[in-house]
Amino acid sequence: MPDAEDYRRALQTRFHRAARRGSAYEIVSARPLYVEAGAKESEHQMPSCCSIMWQEFRSGYDAVLSSPATGQSPAATLCYRLPR
């Protein structure tokens, strides 16, 4: 079962790959990140995954594309500007 650092590493990997492609941003949805970090649906770790996404979010720099009121949903989608 992944822990917070696994989600953080998966997110950082996404940032590095996007930067190497020359992208100005990386759009991240919680469900794919959850799976990339090695989580399974039955593990119920989505709040931990979303928490890491929000910790990396920079208000006024990054953008919220989709988020429920709680922010702790597989549907949460954030746009992170690069470079980080």
N, C-alpha and C. Protein backbone atom coordinates (compact mmCIF):
# COMPACT_ATOMS: atom_id res chain seq x y z
N MET A 1 0.85 -1.17 0.00
CA MET A 1 0.00 0.00 0.00
C MET A 1 0.90 1.25 0.00
N PRO A 2 0.67 2.17 -0.93
CA PRO A 2 1.50 3.37 -1.01
C PRO A 2 1.29 4.28 0.21
N ASP A 3 2.33 5.04 0.52
CA ASP A 3 2.21 6.04 1.57
C ASP A 3 2.34 7.42 0.93
N ALA A 4 2.33 8.46 1.75
CA ALA A 4 2.36 9.83 1.24
C ALA A 4 3.57 10.08 0.34
N GLU A 5 4.72 9.53 0.71
CA GLU A 5 5.93 9.75 -0.10
C GLU A 5 5.82 9.09 -1.48
N ASP A 6 5.10 7.98 -1.57
CA ASP A 6 4.89 7.34 -2.87
C ASP A 6 4.06 8.25 -3.78
N TYR A 7 3.03 8.88 -3.21
CA TYR A 7 2.21 9.81 -4.00
C TYR A 7 3.04 11.03 -4.40
N ARG A 8 3.85 11.52 -3.49
CA ARG A 8 4.70 12.68 -3.78
C ARG A 8 5.70 12.35 -4.89
N ARG A 9 6.31 11.17 -4.83
CA ARG A 9 7.26 10.76 -5.86
C ARG A 9 6.57 10.63 -7.22
N ALA A 10 5.39 10.05 -7.24
CA ALA A 10 4.65 9.91 -8.50
C ALA A 10 4.32 11.28 -9.09
N LEU A 11 3.95 12.22 -8.24
CA LEU A 11 3.64 13.58 -8.70
C LEU A 11 4.90 14.26 -9.22
N GLN A 12 6.00 14.16 -8.49
CA GLN A 12 7.27 14.76 -8.92
C GLN A 12 7.74 14.15 -10.24
N THR A 13 7.53 12.86 -10.41
CA THR A 13 7.89 12.21 -11.68
C THR A 13 7.10 12.81 -12.82
N ARG A 14 5.81 13.05 -12.58
CA ARG A 14 4.99 13.68 -13.62
C ARG A 14 5.52 15.06 -13.97
N PHE A 15 5.92 15.84 -12.95
CA PHE A 15 6.46 17.18 -13.20
C PHE A 15 7.75 17.11 -14.02
N HIS A 16 8.64 16.20 -13.67
CA HIS A 16 9.92 16.07 -14.37
C HIS A 16 9.72 15.65 -15.83
N ARG A 17 8.82 14.71 -16.06
CA ARG A 17 8.55 14.26 -17.43
C ARG A 17 7.98 15.40 -18.27
N ALA A 18 7.04 16.14 -17.70
CA ALA A 18 6.44 17.26 -18.42
C ALA A 18 7.48 18.33 -18.73
N ALA A 19 8.35 18.61 -17.77
CA ALA A 19 9.40 19.61 -17.98
C ALA A 19 10.36 19.17 -19.08
N ARG A 20 10.71 17.88 -19.12
CA ARG A 20 11.59 17.37 -20.17
C ARG A 20 10.95 17.50 -21.55
N ARG A 21 9.62 17.40 -21.60
CA ARG A 21 8.90 17.57 -22.87
C ARG A 21 8.82 19.04 -23.26
N GLY A 22 9.18 19.93 -22.33
CA GLY A 22 9.10 21.36 -22.61
C GLY A 22 7.74 21.95 -22.31
N SER A 23 6.91 21.22 -21.58
CA SER A 23 5.57 21.69 -21.25
C SER A 23 5.62 22.82 -20.22
N ALA A 24 4.68 23.73 -20.33
CA ALA A 24 4.58 24.85 -19.37
C ALA A 24 3.72 24.47 -18.17
N TYR A 25 3.04 23.33 -18.25
CA TYR A 25 2.17 22.90 -17.16
C TYR A 25 1.97 21.39 -17.22
N GLU A 26 1.45 20.85 -16.13
CA GLU A 26 1.08 19.43 -16.05
C GLU A 26 -0.28 19.34 -15.39
N ILE A 27 -1.21 18.72 -16.08
CA ILE A 27 -2.56 18.52 -15.53
C ILE A 27 -2.58 17.16 -14.86
N VAL A 28 -2.98 17.14 -13.59
CA VAL A 28 -2.97 15.91 -12.80
C VAL A 28 -4.36 15.67 -12.21
N SER A 29 -4.88 14.49 -12.49
CA SER A 29 -6.14 14.05 -11.88
C SER A 29 -5.80 13.03 -10.80
N ALA A 30 -6.56 13.05 -9.74
CA ALA A 30 -6.26 12.21 -8.58
C ALA A 30 -6.30 10.71 -8.90
N ARG A 31 -7.30 10.26 -9.63
CA ARG A 31 -7.41 8.82 -9.87
C ARG A 31 -6.19 8.25 -10.60
N PRO A 32 -5.74 8.83 -11.72
CA PRO A 32 -4.55 8.28 -12.37
C PRO A 32 -3.29 8.35 -11.49
N LEU A 33 -3.13 9.44 -10.73
CA LEU A 33 -1.98 9.55 -9.84
C LEU A 33 -2.02 8.45 -8.78
N TYR A 34 -3.19 8.20 -8.27
CA TYR A 34 -3.41 7.15 -7.27
C TYR A 34 -2.92 5.80 -7.79
N VAL A 35 -3.28 5.49 -9.02
CA VAL A 35 -2.90 4.23 -9.64
C VAL A 35 -1.40 4.21 -9.95
N GLU A 36 -0.86 5.33 -10.46
CA GLU A 36 0.57 5.41 -10.77
C GLU A 36 1.44 5.16 -9.54
N ALA A 37 0.95 5.56 -8.38
CA ALA A 37 1.70 5.36 -7.14
C ALA A 37 1.60 3.92 -6.63
N GLY A 38 0.76 3.11 -7.29
CA GLY A 38 0.65 1.71 -6.93
C GLY A 38 -0.54 1.35 -6.05
N ALA A 39 -1.45 2.27 -5.85
CA ALA A 39 -2.61 2.00 -5.00
C ALA A 39 -3.66 1.19 -5.76
N LYS A 40 -4.44 0.45 -5.01
CA LYS A 40 -5.56 -0.31 -5.55
C LYS A 40 -6.84 0.30 -4.98
N GLU A 41 -7.90 0.19 -5.75
CA GLU A 41 -9.19 0.76 -5.32
C GLU A 41 -9.59 0.31 -3.92
N SER A 42 -9.29 -0.93 -3.58
CA SER A 42 -9.71 -1.48 -2.29
C SER A 42 -8.93 -0.92 -1.11
N GLU A 43 -7.87 -0.16 -1.37
CA GLU A 43 -7.03 0.33 -0.28
C GLU A 43 -7.54 1.63 0.35
N HIS A 44 -8.44 2.32 -0.31
CA HIS A 44 -9.08 3.51 0.25
C HIS A 44 -8.08 4.55 0.73
N GLN A 45 -7.10 4.87 -0.11
CA GLN A 45 -6.08 5.86 0.24
C GLN A 45 -6.24 7.16 -0.53
N MET A 46 -7.37 7.37 -1.20
CA MET A 46 -7.56 8.56 -2.01
C MET A 46 -7.36 9.85 -1.21
N PRO A 47 -7.83 9.96 0.04
CA PRO A 47 -7.58 11.20 0.79
C PRO A 47 -6.09 11.52 0.93
N SER A 48 -5.26 10.51 1.11
CA SER A 48 -3.83 10.73 1.22
C SER A 48 -3.26 11.24 -0.10
N CYS A 49 -3.68 10.65 -1.20
CA CYS A 49 -3.24 11.07 -2.53
C CYS A 49 -3.64 12.53 -2.78
N CYS A 50 -4.89 12.85 -2.51
CA CYS A 50 -5.38 14.22 -2.73
C CYS A 50 -4.66 15.21 -1.82
N SER A 51 -4.38 14.81 -0.61
CA SER A 51 -3.67 15.68 0.32
C SER A 51 -2.31 16.09 -0.25
N ILE A 52 -1.59 15.14 -0.83
CA ILE A 52 -0.29 15.45 -1.44
C ILE A 52 -0.48 16.39 -2.63
N MET A 53 -1.50 16.13 -3.43
CA MET A 53 -1.75 17.03 -4.56
C MET A 53 -1.97 18.45 -4.08
N TRP A 54 -2.74 18.63 -3.02
CA TRP A 54 -3.01 19.98 -2.51
C TRP A 54 -1.79 20.58 -1.83
N GLN A 55 -0.96 19.76 -1.21
CA GLN A 55 0.27 20.29 -0.60
C GLN A 55 1.20 20.87 -1.66
N GLU A 56 1.21 20.28 -2.84
CA GLU A 56 2.07 20.76 -3.94
C GLU A 56 1.44 21.93 -4.70
N PHE A 57 0.18 22.19 -4.47
CA PHE A 57 -0.55 23.25 -5.17
C PHE A 57 -0.10 24.62 -4.66
N ARG A 58 0.17 25.53 -5.60
CA ARG A 58 0.58 26.89 -5.25
C ARG A 58 -0.53 27.85 -5.66
N SER A 59 -1.23 28.35 -4.67
CA SER A 59 -2.33 29.27 -4.92
C SER A 59 -1.81 30.52 -5.64
N GLY A 60 -2.52 30.95 -6.66
CA GLY A 60 -2.11 32.11 -7.43
C GLY A 60 -1.13 31.76 -8.54
N TYR A 61 -0.65 30.54 -8.58
CA TYR A 61 0.30 30.09 -9.59
C TYR A 61 -0.28 28.92 -10.36
N ASP A 62 -0.82 27.94 -9.64
CA ASP A 62 -1.45 26.77 -10.24
C ASP A 62 -2.96 27.01 -10.34
N ALA A 63 -3.66 26.10 -11.00
CA ALA A 63 -5.10 26.28 -11.21
C ALA A 63 -5.88 25.02 -10.85
N VAL A 64 -7.08 25.22 -10.32
CA VAL A 64 -8.00 24.12 -10.03
C VAL A 64 -8.89 23.96 -11.26
N LEU A 65 -8.87 22.79 -11.86
CA LEU A 65 -9.72 22.53 -13.01
C LEU A 65 -11.01 21.85 -12.60
N SER A 66 -10.93 20.99 -11.59
CA SER A 66 -12.11 20.29 -11.10
C SER A 66 -11.84 19.84 -9.67
N SER A 67 -12.78 20.14 -8.79
CA SER A 67 -12.62 19.68 -7.42
C SER A 67 -13.96 19.74 -6.70
N PRO A 68 -14.32 18.65 -6.02
CA PRO A 68 -15.52 18.69 -5.19
C PRO A 68 -15.25 19.58 -3.98
N ALA A 69 -16.28 19.87 -3.24
CA ALA A 69 -16.15 20.76 -2.08
C ALA A 69 -15.08 20.29 -1.10
N THR A 70 -14.95 19.00 -0.91
CA THR A 70 -13.96 18.48 0.05
C THR A 70 -12.55 18.48 -0.52
N GLY A 71 -12.42 18.45 -1.85
CA GLY A 71 -11.11 18.36 -2.48
C GLY A 71 -10.49 16.98 -2.41
N GLN A 72 -11.18 16.05 -1.79
CA GLN A 72 -10.66 14.69 -1.57
C GLN A 72 -11.43 13.68 -2.42
N SER A 73 -11.29 13.79 -3.72
CA SER A 73 -12.07 12.94 -4.61
C SER A 73 -11.22 12.48 -5.79
N PRO A 74 -11.54 11.33 -6.35
CA PRO A 74 -10.84 10.89 -7.55
C PRO A 74 -11.02 11.87 -8.71
N ALA A 75 -12.04 12.70 -8.64
CA ALA A 75 -12.32 13.67 -9.70
C ALA A 75 -11.49 14.94 -9.57
N ALA A 76 -10.76 15.11 -8.49
CA ALA A 76 -9.94 16.32 -8.31
C ALA A 76 -8.91 16.39 -9.43
N THR A 77 -8.89 17.52 -10.13
CA THR A 77 -7.95 17.73 -11.23
C THR A 77 -7.33 19.11 -11.09
N LEU A 78 -6.00 19.14 -11.00
CA LEU A 78 -5.27 20.38 -10.81
C LEU A 78 -4.29 20.59 -11.95
N CYS A 79 -4.07 21.84 -12.29
CA CYS A 79 -3.11 22.19 -13.32
C CYS A 79 -1.93 22.87 -12.63
N TYR A 80 -0.78 22.22 -12.67
CA TYR A 80 0.44 22.72 -12.03
C TYR A 80 1.30 23.40 -13.09
N ARG A 81 1.66 24.64 -12.86
CA ARG A 81 2.55 25.34 -13.77
C ARG A 81 3.98 24.88 -13.54
N LEU A 82 4.71 24.83 -14.62
CA LEU A 82 6.12 24.45 -14.57
C LEU A 82 6.97 25.65 -14.97
N PRO A 83 8.18 25.76 -14.52
CA PRO A 83 8.88 24.83 -13.66
C PRO A 83 8.40 24.95 -12.22
N ARG A 84 8.71 23.94 -11.46
CA ARG A 84 8.34 23.89 -10.04
C ARG A 84 9.48 24.38 -9.21
